[in-house]
PDB file of N, CA and C in Angstrom:
ATOM      1  N   ALA A   1      50.180 -89.881 127.052  1.00  0.00           N
ATOM      2  CA  ALA A   1      50.709 -90.489 125.825  1.00  0.00           C
ATOM      3  C   ALA A   1      50.940 -91.990 126.004  1.00  0.00           C
ATOM      4  N   ARG A   2      51.306 -92.398 127.177  1.00  0.00           N
ATOM      5  CA  ARG A   2      51.600 -93.841 127.400  1.00  0.00           C
ATOM      6  C   ARG A   2      50.321 -94.661 127.140  1.00  0.00           C
ATOM      7  N   GLY A   3      49.157 -94.144 127.459  1.00  0.00           N
ATOM      8  CA  GLY A   3      47.918 -94.862 127.202  1.00  0.00           C
ATOM      9  C   GLY A   3      47.740 -95.074 125.696  1.00  0.00           C
ATOM     10  N   ASP A   4      47.962 -94.005 124.876  1.00  0.00           N
ATOM     11  CA  ASP A   4      47.884 -94.161 123.444  1.00  0.00           C
ATOM     12  C   ASP A   4      48.848 -95.204 122.916  1.00  0.00           C
ATOM     13  N   ALA A   5      50.044 -95.230 123.513  1.00  0.00           N
ATOM     14  CA  ALA A   5      51.075 -96.160 123.029  1.00  0.00           C
ATOM     15  C   ALA A   5      50.638 -97.573 123.269  1.00  0.00           C
ATOM     16  N   ARG A   6      50.077 -97.854 124.443  1.00  0.00           N
ATOM     17  CA  ARG A   6      49.613 -99.223 124.758  1.00  0.00           C
ATOM     18  C   ARG A   6      48.433 -99.656 123.873  1.00  0.00           C
ATOM     19  N   GLU A   7      47.653 -98.682 123.461  1.00  0.00           N
ATOM     20  CA  GLU A   7      46.454 -98.973 122.666  1.00  0.00           C
ATOM     21  C   GLU A   7      46.757 -99.072 121.144  1.00  0.00           C
ATOM     22  N   ALA A   8      47.970 -98.742 120.765  1.00  0.00           N
ATOM     23  CA  ALA A   8      48.347 -98.702 119.347  1.00  0.00           C
ATOM     24  C   ALA A   8      48.387-100.069 118.758  1.00  0.00           C
ATOM     25  N   ALA A   9      47.506-100.339 117.786  1.00  0.00           N
ATOM     26  CA  ALA A   9      47.603-101.571 117.023  1.00  0.00           C
ATOM     27  C   ALA A   9      48.672-101.423 115.959  1.00  0.00           C
ATOM     28  N   SER A  10      48.823-100.192 115.418  1.00  0.00           N
ATOM     29  CA  SER A  10      49.890 -99.925 114.468  1.00  0.00           C
ATOM     30  C   SER A  10      50.123 -98.404 114.456  1.00  0.00           C
ATOM     31  N   VAL A  11      51.299 -98.062 113.936  1.00  0.00           N
ATOM     32  CA  VAL A  11      51.670 -96.670 113.769  1.00  0.00           C
ATOM     33  C   VAL A  11      52.272 -96.541 112.372  1.00  0.00           C
ATOM     34  N   ASP A  12      51.716 -95.670 111.576  1.00  0.00           N
ATOM     35  CA  ASP A  12      52.196 -95.427 110.227  1.00  0.00           C
ATOM     36  C   ASP A  12      52.917 -94.069 110.200  1.00  0.00           C
ATOM     37  N   VAL A  13      54.169 -94.081 109.764  1.00  0.00           N
ATOM     38  CA  VAL A  13      54.948 -92.829 109.671  1.00  0.00           C
ATOM     39  C   VAL A  13      55.302 -92.622 108.216  1.00  0.00           C
ATOM     40  N   GLN A  14      54.894 -91.517 107.659  1.00  0.00           N
ATOM     41  CA  GLN A  14      55.249 -91.152 106.307  1.00  0.00           C
ATOM     42  C   GLN A  14      56.314 -90.045 106.362  1.00  0.00           C
ATOM     43  N   VAL A  15      57.380 -90.253 105.656  1.00  0.00           N
ATOM     44  CA  VAL A  15      58.500 -89.273 105.573  1.00  0.00           C
ATOM     45  C   VAL A  15      59.000 -89.207 104.135  1.00  0.00           C
ATOM     46  N   ASN A  16      59.790 -88.195 103.879  1.00  0.00           N
ATOM     47  CA  ASN A  16      60.394 -88.032 102.590  1.00  0.00           C
ATOM     48  C   ASN A  16      61.394 -89.219 102.342  1.00  0.00           C
ATOM     49  N   PRO A  17      61.528 -89.676 101.141  1.00  0.00           N
ATOM     50  CA  PRO A  17      62.456 -90.793 100.873  1.00  0.00           C
ATOM     51  C   PRO A  17      63.887 -90.556 101.235  1.00  0.00           C
ATOM     52  N   MET A  18      64.306 -89.275 101.372  1.00  0.00           N
ATOM     53  CA  MET A  18      65.647 -88.967 101.815  1.00  0.00           C
ATOM     54  C   MET A  18      65.945 -89.589 103.181  1.00  0.00           C
ATOM     55  N   CYS A  19      64.897 -89.708 104.005  1.00  0.00           N
ATOM     56  CA  CYS A  19      65.082 -90.266 105.357  1.00  0.00           C
ATOM     57  C   CYS A  19      65.513 -91.720 105.362  1.00  0.00           C
ATOM     58  N   ASP A  20      65.232 -92.447 104.307  1.00  0.00           N
ATOM     59  CA  ASP A  20      65.614 -93.837 104.240  1.00  0.00           C
ATOM     60  C   ASP A  20      67.116 -94.019 104.271  1.00  0.00           C
ATOM     61  N   LYS A  21      67.831 -93.078 103.657  1.00  0.00           N
ATOM     62  CA  LYS A  21      69.317 -93.153 103.663  1.00  0.00           C
ATOM     63  C   LYS A  21      69.934 -92.623 104.925  1.00  0.00           C
ATOM     64  N   VAL A  22      69.255 -91.781 105.654  1.00  0.00           N
ATOM     65  CA  VAL A  22      69.833 -91.059 106.761  1.00  0.00           C
ATOM     66  C   VAL A  22      69.416 -91.628 108.155  1.00  0.00           C
ATOM     67  N   CYS A  23      68.133 -91.930 108.309  1.00  0.00           N
ATOM     68  CA  CYS A  23      67.666 -92.221 109.635  1.00  0.00           C
ATOM     69  C   CYS A  23      66.590 -93.301 109.685  1.00  0.00           C
ATOM     70  N   ASN A  24      66.829 -94.376 109.022  1.00  0.00           N
ATOM     71  CA  ASN A  24      65.862 -95.477 109.024  1.00  0.00           C
ATOM     72  C   ASN A  24      66.449 -96.783 109.494  1.00  0.00           C
ATOM     73  N   LEU A  25      67.292 -96.719 110.517  1.00  0.00           N
ATOM     74  CA  LEU A  25      67.864 -97.976 111.090  1.00  0.00           C
ATOM     75  C   LEU A  25      66.682 -98.729 111.777  1.00  0.00           C
ATOM     76  N   GLN A  26      66.559 -99.981 111.442  1.00  0.00           N
ATOM     77  CA  GLN A  26      65.402-100.761 111.905  1.00  0.00           C
ATOM     78  C   GLN A  26      65.524-101.190 113.377  1.00  0.00           C
ATOM     79  N   ASN A  27      66.689-101.699 113.780  1.00  0.00           N
ATOM     80  CA  ASN A  27      66.891-102.216 115.102  1.00  0.00           C
ATOM     81  C   ASN A  27      68.210-101.769 115.651  1.00  0.00           C
ATOM     82  N   PRO A  28      68.273-100.526 116.123  1.00  0.00           N
ATOM     83  CA  PRO A  28      69.566 -99.954 116.583  1.00  0.00           C
ATOM     84  C   PRO A  28      70.086-100.692 117.840  1.00  0.00           C
ATOM     85  N   GLY A  29      71.432-100.809 117.878  1.00  0.00           N
ATOM     86  CA  GLY A  29      72.047-101.488 119.047  1.00  0.00           C
ATOM     87  C   GLY A  29      72.827-100.555 119.940  1.00  0.00           C
ATOM     88  N   THR A  30      73.078 -99.329 119.472  1.00  0.00           N
ATOM     89  CA  THR A  30      73.856 -98.387 120.265  1.00  0.00           C
ATOM     90  C   THR A  30      73.107 -97.071 120.388  1.00  0.00           C
ATOM     91  N   ALA A  31      73.532 -96.225 121.282  1.00  0.00           N
ATOM     92  CA  ALA A  31      72.896 -94.878 121.430  1.00  0.00           C
ATOM     93  C   ALA A  31      73.073 -94.082 120.131  1.00  0.00           C
ATOM     94  N   SER A  32      74.230 -94.144 119.502  1.00  0.00           N
ATOM     95  CA  SER A  32      74.413 -93.458 118.255  1.00  0.00           C
ATOM     96  C   SER A  32      73.449 -93.954 117.168  1.00  0.00           C
ATOM     97  N   GLU A  33      73.279 -95.256 117.072  1.00  0.00           N
ATOM     98  CA  GLU A  33      72.356 -95.791 116.082  1.00  0.00           C
ATOM     99  C   GLU A  33      70.906 -95.434 116.417  1.00  0.00           C
ATOM    100  N   LEU A  34      70.599 -95.429 117.701  1.00  0.00           N
ATOM    101  CA  LEU A  34      69.215 -95.116 118.113  1.00  0.00           C
ATOM    102  C   LEU A  34      68.783 -93.744 117.632  1.00  0.00           C
ATOM    103  N   ALA A  35      69.726 -92.808 117.629  1.00  0.00           N
ATOM    104  CA  ALA A  35      69.424 -91.434 117.181  1.00  0.00           C
ATOM    105  C   ALA A  35      69.040 -91.403 115.725  1.00  0.00           C
ATOM    106  N   TYR A  36      69.288 -92.487 114.953  1.00  0.00           N
ATOM    107  CA  TYR A  36      68.969 -92.551 113.537  1.00  0.00           C
ATOM    108  C   TYR A  36      67.939 -93.649 113.209  1.00  0.00           C
ATOM    109  N   SER A  37      67.056 -93.895 114.170  1.00  0.00           N
ATOM    110  CA  SER A  37      66.030 -94.895 113.977  1.00  0.00           C
ATOM    111  C   SER A  37      64.657 -94.234 114.156  1.00  0.00           C
ATOM    112  N   ILE A  38      63.994 -93.930 113.022  1.00  0.00           N
ATOM    113  CA  ILE A  38      62.691 -93.340 113.068  1.00  0.00           C
ATOM    114  C   ILE A  38      61.718 -94.196 113.906  1.00  0.00           C
ATOM    115  N   ARG A  39      61.746 -95.501 113.668  1.00  0.00           N
ATOM    116  CA  ARG A  39      60.836 -96.397 114.348  1.00  0.00           C
ATOM    117  C   ARG A  39      60.992 -96.334 115.841  1.00  0.00           C
ATOM    118  N   THR A  40      62.239 -96.375 116.343  1.00  0.00           N
ATOM    119  CA  THR A  40      62.474 -96.340 117.771  1.00  0.00           C
ATOM    120  C   THR A  40      62.130 -94.990 118.380  1.00  0.00           C
ATOM    121  N   LEU A  41      62.532 -93.904 117.725  1.00  0.00           N
ATOM    122  CA  LEU A  41      62.268 -92.588 118.267  1.00  0.00           C
ATOM    123  C   LEU A  41      60.769 -92.303 118.354  1.00  0.00           C
ATOM    124  N   VAL A  42      60.003 -92.747 117.307  1.00  0.00           N
ATOM    125  CA  VAL A  42      58.540 -92.593 117.361  1.00  0.00           C
ATOM    126  C   VAL A  42      57.972 -93.388 118.519  1.00  0.00           C
ATOM    127  N   ALA A  43      58.396 -94.606 118.679  1.00  0.00           N
ATOM    128  CA  ALA A  43      57.900 -95.458 119.808  1.00  0.00           C
ATOM    129  C   ALA A  43      58.236 -94.827 121.145  1.00  0.00           C
ATOM    130  N   MET A  44      59.435 -94.275 121.304  1.00  0.00           N
ATOM    131  CA  MET A  44      59.816 -93.619 122.511  1.00  0.00           C
ATOM    132  C   MET A  44      58.914 -92.403 122.808  1.00  0.00           C
ATOM    133  N   ALA A  45      58.713 -91.580 121.780  1.00  0.00           N
ATOM    134  CA  ALA A  45      57.952 -90.346 121.926  1.00  0.00           C
ATOM    135  C   ALA A  45      56.475 -90.693 122.276  1.00  0.00           C
ATOM    136  N   LEU A  46      55.916 -91.680 121.620  1.00  0.00           N
ATOM    137  CA  LEU A  46      54.528 -92.064 121.878  1.00  0.00           C
ATOM    138  C   LEU A  46      54.432 -92.699 123.289  1.00  0.00           C
ATOM    139  N   SER A  47      55.500 -93.178 123.801  1.00  0.00           N
ATOM    140  CA  SER A  47      55.511 -93.782 125.140  1.00  0.00           C
ATOM    141  C   SER A  47      55.779 -92.747 126.231  1.00  0.00           C
ATOM    142  N   GLY A  48      55.941 -91.487 125.798  1.00  0.00           N
ATOM    143  CA  GLY A  48      56.120 -90.410 126.775  1.00  0.00           C
ATOM    144  C   GLY A  48      57.583 -90.210 127.212  1.00  0.00           C
ATOM    145  N   LEU A  49      58.520 -90.813 126.522  1.00  0.00           N
ATOM    146  CA  LEU A  49      59.915 -90.684 126.873  1.00  0.00           C
ATOM    147  C   LEU A  49      60.498 -89.428 126.205  1.00  0.00           C
ATOM    148  N   ASP A  50      61.322 -88.704 126.961  1.00  0.00           N
ATOM    149  CA  ASP A  50      61.931 -87.461 126.466  1.00  0.00           C
ATOM    150  C   ASP A  50      63.174 -87.833 125.713  1.00  0.00           C
ATOM    151  N   THR A  51      63.125 -87.777 124.377  1.00  0.00           N
ATOM    152  CA  THR A  51      64.279 -88.116 123.551  1.00  0.00           C
ATOM    153  C   THR A  51      65.307 -87.035 123.460  1.00  0.00           C
ATOM    154  N   SER A  52      65.039 -85.854 124.005  1.00  0.00           N
ATOM    155  CA  SER A  52      65.976 -84.739 123.968  1.00  0.00           C
ATOM    156  C   SER A  52      66.900 -84.688 125.193  1.00  0.00           C
ATOM    157  N   ARG A  53      66.557 -85.428 126.199  1.00  0.00           N
ATOM    158  CA  ARG A  53      67.343 -85.420 127.462  1.00  0.00           C
ATOM    159  C   ARG A  53      68.646 -86.195 127.296  1.00  0.00           C
ATOM    160  N   PRO A  54      69.775 -85.614 127.734  1.00  0.00           N
ATOM    161  CA  PRO A  54      71.034 -86.369 127.639  1.00  0.00           C
ATOM    162  C   PRO A  54      70.943 -87.707 128.317  1.00  0.00           C
ATOM    163  N   GLY A  55      71.406 -88.723 127.630  1.00  0.00           N
ATOM    164  CA  GLY A  55      71.377 -90.081 128.214  1.00  0.00           C
ATOM    165  C   GLY A  55      70.106 -90.843 127.893  1.00  0.00           C
ATOM    166  N   SER A  56      69.096 -90.183 127.334  1.00  0.00           N
ATOM    167  CA  SER A  56      67.840 -90.878 127.062  1.00  0.00           C
ATOM    168  C   SER A  56      67.935 -91.843 125.922  1.00  0.00           C
ATOM    169  N   LEU A  57      68.899 -91.634 125.026  1.00  0.00           N
ATOM    170  CA  LEU A  57      69.048 -92.481 123.875  1.00  0.00           C
ATOM    171  C   LEU A  57      69.991 -93.635 124.170  1.00  0.00           C
ATOM    172  N   ASP A  58      69.569 -94.420 125.115  1.00  0.00           N
ATOM    173  CA  ASP A  58      70.348 -95.614 125.569  1.00  0.00           C
ATOM    174  C   ASP A  58      69.504 -96.825 125.317  1.00  0.00           C
ATOM    175  N   PRO A  59      69.846 -97.706 124.365  1.00  0.00           N
ATOM    176  CA  PRO A  59      69.032 -98.885 124.084  1.00  0.00           C
ATOM    177  C   PRO A  59      68.764 -99.773 125.318  1.00  0.00           C
ATOM    178  N   ASP A  60      69.682 -99.721 126.290  1.00  0.00           N
ATOM    179  CA  ASP A  60      69.496-100.535 127.489  1.00  0.00           C
ATOM    180  C   ASP A  60      68.349-100.016 128.381  1.00  0.00           C
ATOM    181  N   LEU A  61      67.952 -98.773 128.153  1.00  0.00           N
ATOM    182  CA  LEU A  61      66.871 -98.202 128.938  1.00  0.00           C
ATOM    183  C   LEU A  61      65.445 -98.401 128.336  1.00  0.00           C
ATOM    184  N   LEU A  62      65.420 -99.016 127.145  1.00  0.00           N
ATOM    185  CA  LEU A  62      64.127 -99.264 126.508  1.00  0.00           C
ATOM    186  C   LEU A  62      63.456-100.497 127.064  1.00  0.00           C
ATOM    187  N   ASP A  63      62.253-100.333 127.590  1.00  0.00           N
ATOM    188  CA  ASP A  63      61.556-101.483 128.174  1.00  0.00           C
ATOM    189  C   ASP A  63      60.788-102.249 127.068  1.00  0.00           C
ATOM    190  N   ALA A  64      60.270-103.399 127.447  1.00  0.00           N
ATOM    191  CA  ALA A  64      59.600-104.269 126.514  1.00  0.00           C
ATOM    192  C   ALA A  64      58.422-103.627 125.807  1.00  0.00           C
ATOM    193  N   ASP A  65      57.690-102.724 126.491  1.00  0.00           N
ATOM    194  CA  ASP A  65      56.594-101.973 125.853  1.00  0.00           C
ATOM    195  C   ASP A  65      57.051-101.104 124.749  1.00  0.00           C
ATOM    196  N   VAL A  66      58.133-100.400 124.921  1.00  0.00           N
ATOM    197  CA  VAL A  66      58.667 -99.524 123.857  1.00  0.00           C
ATOM    198  C   VAL A  66      59.143-100.383 122.694  1.00  0.00           C
ATOM    199  N   LEU A  67      59.836-101.461 122.968  1.00  0.00           N
ATOM    200  CA  LEU A  67      60.316-102.326 121.871  1.00  0.00           C
ATOM    201  C   LEU A  67      59.187-102.968 121.102  1.00  0.00           C
ATOM    202  N   ALA A  68      58.112-103.358 121.805  1.00  0.00           N
ATOM    203  CA  ALA A  68      56.959-103.917 121.188  1.00  0.00           C
ATOM    204  C   ALA A  68      56.279-102.909 120.305  1.00  0.00           C
ATOM    205  N   LEU A  69      56.176-101.679 120.783  1.00  0.00           N
ATOM    206  CA  LEU A  69      55.545-100.578 119.967  1.00  0.00           C
ATOM    207  C   LEU A  69      56.414-100.328 118.753  1.00  0.00           C
ATOM    208  N   ARG A  70      57.742-100.312 118.904  1.00  0.00           N
ATOM    209  CA  ARG A  70      58.644-100.093 117.783  1.00  0.00           C
ATOM    210  C   ARG A  70      58.354-101.073 116.679  1.00  0.00           C
ATOM    211  N   ASP A  71      58.060-102.323 117.057  1.00  0.00           N
ATOM    212  CA  ASP A  71      57.786-103.364 116.069  1.00  0.00           C
ATOM    213  C   ASP A  71      56.479-103.133 115.351  1.00  0.00           C
ATOM    214  N   ARG A  72      55.627-102.223 115.876  1.00  0.00           N
ATOM    215  CA  ARG A  72      54.334-101.922 115.210  1.00  0.00           C
ATOM    216  C   ARG A  72      54.387-100.618 114.427  1.00  0.00           C
ATOM    217  N   VAL A  73      55.568-100.011 114.383  1.00  0.00           N
ATOM    218  CA  VAL A  73      55.799 -98.770 113.601  1.00  0.00           C
ATOM    219  C   VAL A  73      56.237 -99.115 112.207  1.00  0.00           C
ATOM    220  N   ASP A  74      55.493 -98.605 111.219  1.00  0.00           N
ATOM    221  CA  ASP A  74      55.825 -98.844 109.823  1.00  0.00           C
ATOM    222  C   ASP A  74      56.199 -97.498 109.205  1.00  0.00           C
ATOM    223  N   VAL A  75      57.385 -97.439 108.640  1.00  0.00           N
ATOM    224  CA  VAL A  75      57.882 -96.222 107.953  1.00  0.00           C
ATOM    225  C   VAL A  75      57.683 -96.354 106.491  1.00  0.00           C
ATOM    226  N   ARG A  76      56.972 -95.368 105.928  1.00  0.00           N
ATOM    227  CA  ARG A  76      56.739 -95.369 104.477  1.00  0.00           C
ATOM    228  C   ARG A  76      57.242 -94.070 103.940  1.00  0.00           C
ATOM    229  N   PHE A  77      57.494 -94.057 102.635  1.00  0.00           N
ATOM    230  CA  PHE A  77      58.136 -92.882 102.016  1.00  0.00           C
ATOM    231  C   PHE A  77      57.160 -92.228 101.062  1.00  0.00           C
ATOM    232  N   GLU A  78      57.109 -90.877 101.193  1.00  0.00           N
ATOM    233  CA  GLU A  78      56.207 -90.084 100.401  1.00  0.00           C
ATOM    234  C   GLU A  78      56.996 -88.890  99.890  1.00  0.00           C
ATOM    235  N   ALA A  79      57.263 -88.907  98.564  1.00  0.00           N
ATOM    236  CA  ALA A  79      58.124 -87.884  97.933  1.00  0.00           C
ATOM    237  C   ALA A  79      57.536 -86.500  98.024  1.00  0.00           C
ATOM    238  N   SER A  80      56.224 -86.364  98.193  1.00  0.00           N
ATOM    239  CA  SER A  80      55.620 -85.037  98.245  1.00  0.00           C
ATOM    240  C   SER A  80      55.851 -84.338  99.582  1.00  0.00           C
ATOM    241  N   LEU A  81      56.334 -85.073 100.578  1.00  0.00           N
ATOM    242  CA  LEU A  81      56.597 -84.436 101.880  1.00  0.00           C
ATOM    243  C   LEU A  81      57.936 -83.738 101.862  1.00  0.00           C
ATOM    244  N   PRO A  82      58.033 -82.564 102.464  1.00  0.00           N
ATOM    245  CA  PRO A  82      59.330 -81.888 102.610  1.00  0.00           C
ATOM    246  C   PRO A  82      60.273 -82.732 103.434  1.00  0.00           C
ATOM    247  N   ASP A  83      61.593 -82.524 103.248  1.00  0.00           N
ATOM    248  CA  ASP A  83      62.613 -83.338 103.915  1.00  0.00           C
ATOM    249  C   ASP A  83      62.431 -83.442 105.455  1.00  0.00           C
ATOM    250  N   THR A  84      61.989 -82.406 106.064  1.00  0.00           N
ATOM    251  CA  THR A  84      61.887 -82.353 107.508  1.00  0.00           C
ATOM    252  C   THR A  84      60.459 -82.542 108.046  1.00  0.00           C
ATOM    253  N   SER A  85      59.573 -83.040 107.216  1.00  0.00           N
ATOM    254  CA  SER A  85      58.173 -83.242 107.674  1.00  0.00           C
ATOM    255  C   SER A  85      57.884 -84.721 107.853  1.00  0.00           C
ATOM    256  N   ALA A  86      56.871 -84.986 108.602  1.00  0.00           N
ATOM    257  CA  ALA A  86      56.380 -86.350 108.780  1.00  0.00           C
ATOM    258  C   ALA A  86      54.843 -86.304 109.045  1.00  0.00           C
ATOM    259  N   VAL A  87      54.200 -87.391 108.652  1.00  0.00           N
ATOM    260  CA  VAL A  87      52.817 -87.569 109.013  1.00  0.00           C
ATOM    261  C   VAL A  87      52.740 -88.876 109.760  1.00  0.00           C
ATOM    262  N   VAL A  88      52.231 -88.836 110.994  1.00  0.00           N
ATOM    263  CA  VAL A  88      52.166 -89.987 111.898  1.00  0.00           C
ATOM    264  C   VAL A  88      50.706 -90.348 112.100  1.00  0.00           C
ATOM    265  N   THR A  89      50.352 -91.587 111.861  1.00  0.00           N
ATOM    266  CA  THR A  89      48.985 -92.032 112.107  1.00  0.00           C
ATOM    267  C   THR A  89      49.029 -93.216 113.048  1.00  0.00           C
ATOM    268  N   LEU A  90      48.403 -93.039 114.211  1.00  0.00           N
ATOM    269  CA  LEU A  90      48.285 -94.100 115.198  1.00  0.00           C
ATOM    270  C   LEU A  90      46.905 -94.773 115.047  1.00  0.00           C
ATOM    271  N   VAL A  91      46.865 -96.052 114.893  1.00  0.00           N
ATOM    272  CA  VAL A  91      45.643 -96.777 114.780  1.00  0.00           C
ATOM    273  C   VAL A  91      45.457 -97.608 116.053  1.00  0.00           C
ATOM    274  N   ARG A  92      44.392 -97.337 116.746  1.00  0.00           N
ATOM    275  CA  ARG A  92      44.120 -98.073 118.017  1.00  0.00           C
ATOM    276  C   ARG A  92      43.486 -99.418 117.683  1.00  0.00           C
ATOM    277  N   ALA A  93      43.539-100.323 118.677  1.00  0.00           N
ATOM    278  CA  ALA A  93      42.964-101.653 118.496  1.00  0.00           C
ATOM    279  C   ALA A  93      41.469-101.560 118.139  1.00  0.00           C
ATOM    280  N   SER A  94      40.784-100.491 118.580  1.00  0.00           N
ATOM    281  CA  SER A  94      39.356-100.311 118.248  1.00  0.00           C
ATOM    282  C   SER A  94      39.168 -99.945 116.805  1.00  0.00           C
ATOM    283  N   GLY A  95      40.226 -99.594 116.067  1.00  0.00           N
ATOM    284  CA  GLY A  95      40.112 -99.203 114.673  1.00  0.00           C
ATOM    285  C   GLY A  95      40.163 -97.672 114.519  1.00  0.00           C
ATOM    286  N   GLU A  96      39.950 -96.951 115.619  1.00  0.00           N
ATOM    287  CA  GLU A  96      40.018 -95.499 115.591  1.00  0.00           C
ATOM    288  C   GLU A  96      41.451 -95.091 115.261  1.00  0.00           C
ATOM    289  N   SER A  97      41.562 -94.044 114.455  1.00  0.00           N
ATOM    290  CA  SER A  97      42.924 -93.536 114.100  1.00  0.00           C
ATOM    291  C   SER A  97      43.050 -92.054 114.441  1.00  0.00           C
ATOM    292  N   VAL A  98      44.266 -91.663 114.744  1.00  0.00           N
ATOM    293  CA  VAL A  98      44.617 -90.306 115.076  1.00  0.00           C
ATOM    294  C   VAL A  98      45.851 -89.982 114.262  1.00  0.00           C
ATOM    295  N   SER A  99      45.821 -88.823 113.546  1.00  0.00           N
ATOM    296  CA  SER A  99      46.977 -88.426 112.714  1.00  0.00           C
ATOM    297  C   SER A  99      47.456 -87.106 113.151  1.00  0.00           C
ATOM    298  N   ALA A 100      48.766 -86.888 112.927  1.00  0.00           N
ATOM    299  CA  ALA A 100      49.398 -85.573 113.191  1.00  0.00           C
ATOM    300  C   ALA A 100      50.469 -85.362 112.181  1.00  0.00           C
ATOM    301  N   ARG A 101      50.709 -84.120 111.882  1.00  0.00           N
ATOM    302  CA  ARG A 101      51.755 -83.769 110.933  1.00  0.00           C
ATOM    303  C   ARG A 101      52.830 -83.015 111.682  1.00  0.00           C
TER     304      ARG A 101
END
C-alpha cells in the first residue's frame, strides 16, 4: 500500500453529504480530531498505517509523506451514496486510476 500512496497524484473520496458535518475536519491537531478527518484517515490507510490500533491516531506520529498525501485527498459529497459508504479513487502520476467502494 505504501507504494500506491507514494505514487498518488491525487485521491478522490466521495461520501454522503452527512459526513461533511460529522467527520470532515481538514487539518486535525489532536487525536480526537484526527478520528473525524476523512482526509487524514484515508492518507493513513493508503500509507499502510493501522488506524484501528490504540494510540495510532496521534498527529505527532504522522510523517511528512502521510501529511503530503493528506493534502492530495479531495473529499466530495454524493447524495446517492448511503451514509456509511464511500468511493475512493486513487490517481497515479502516470494517469492510471484505481477505484474501490
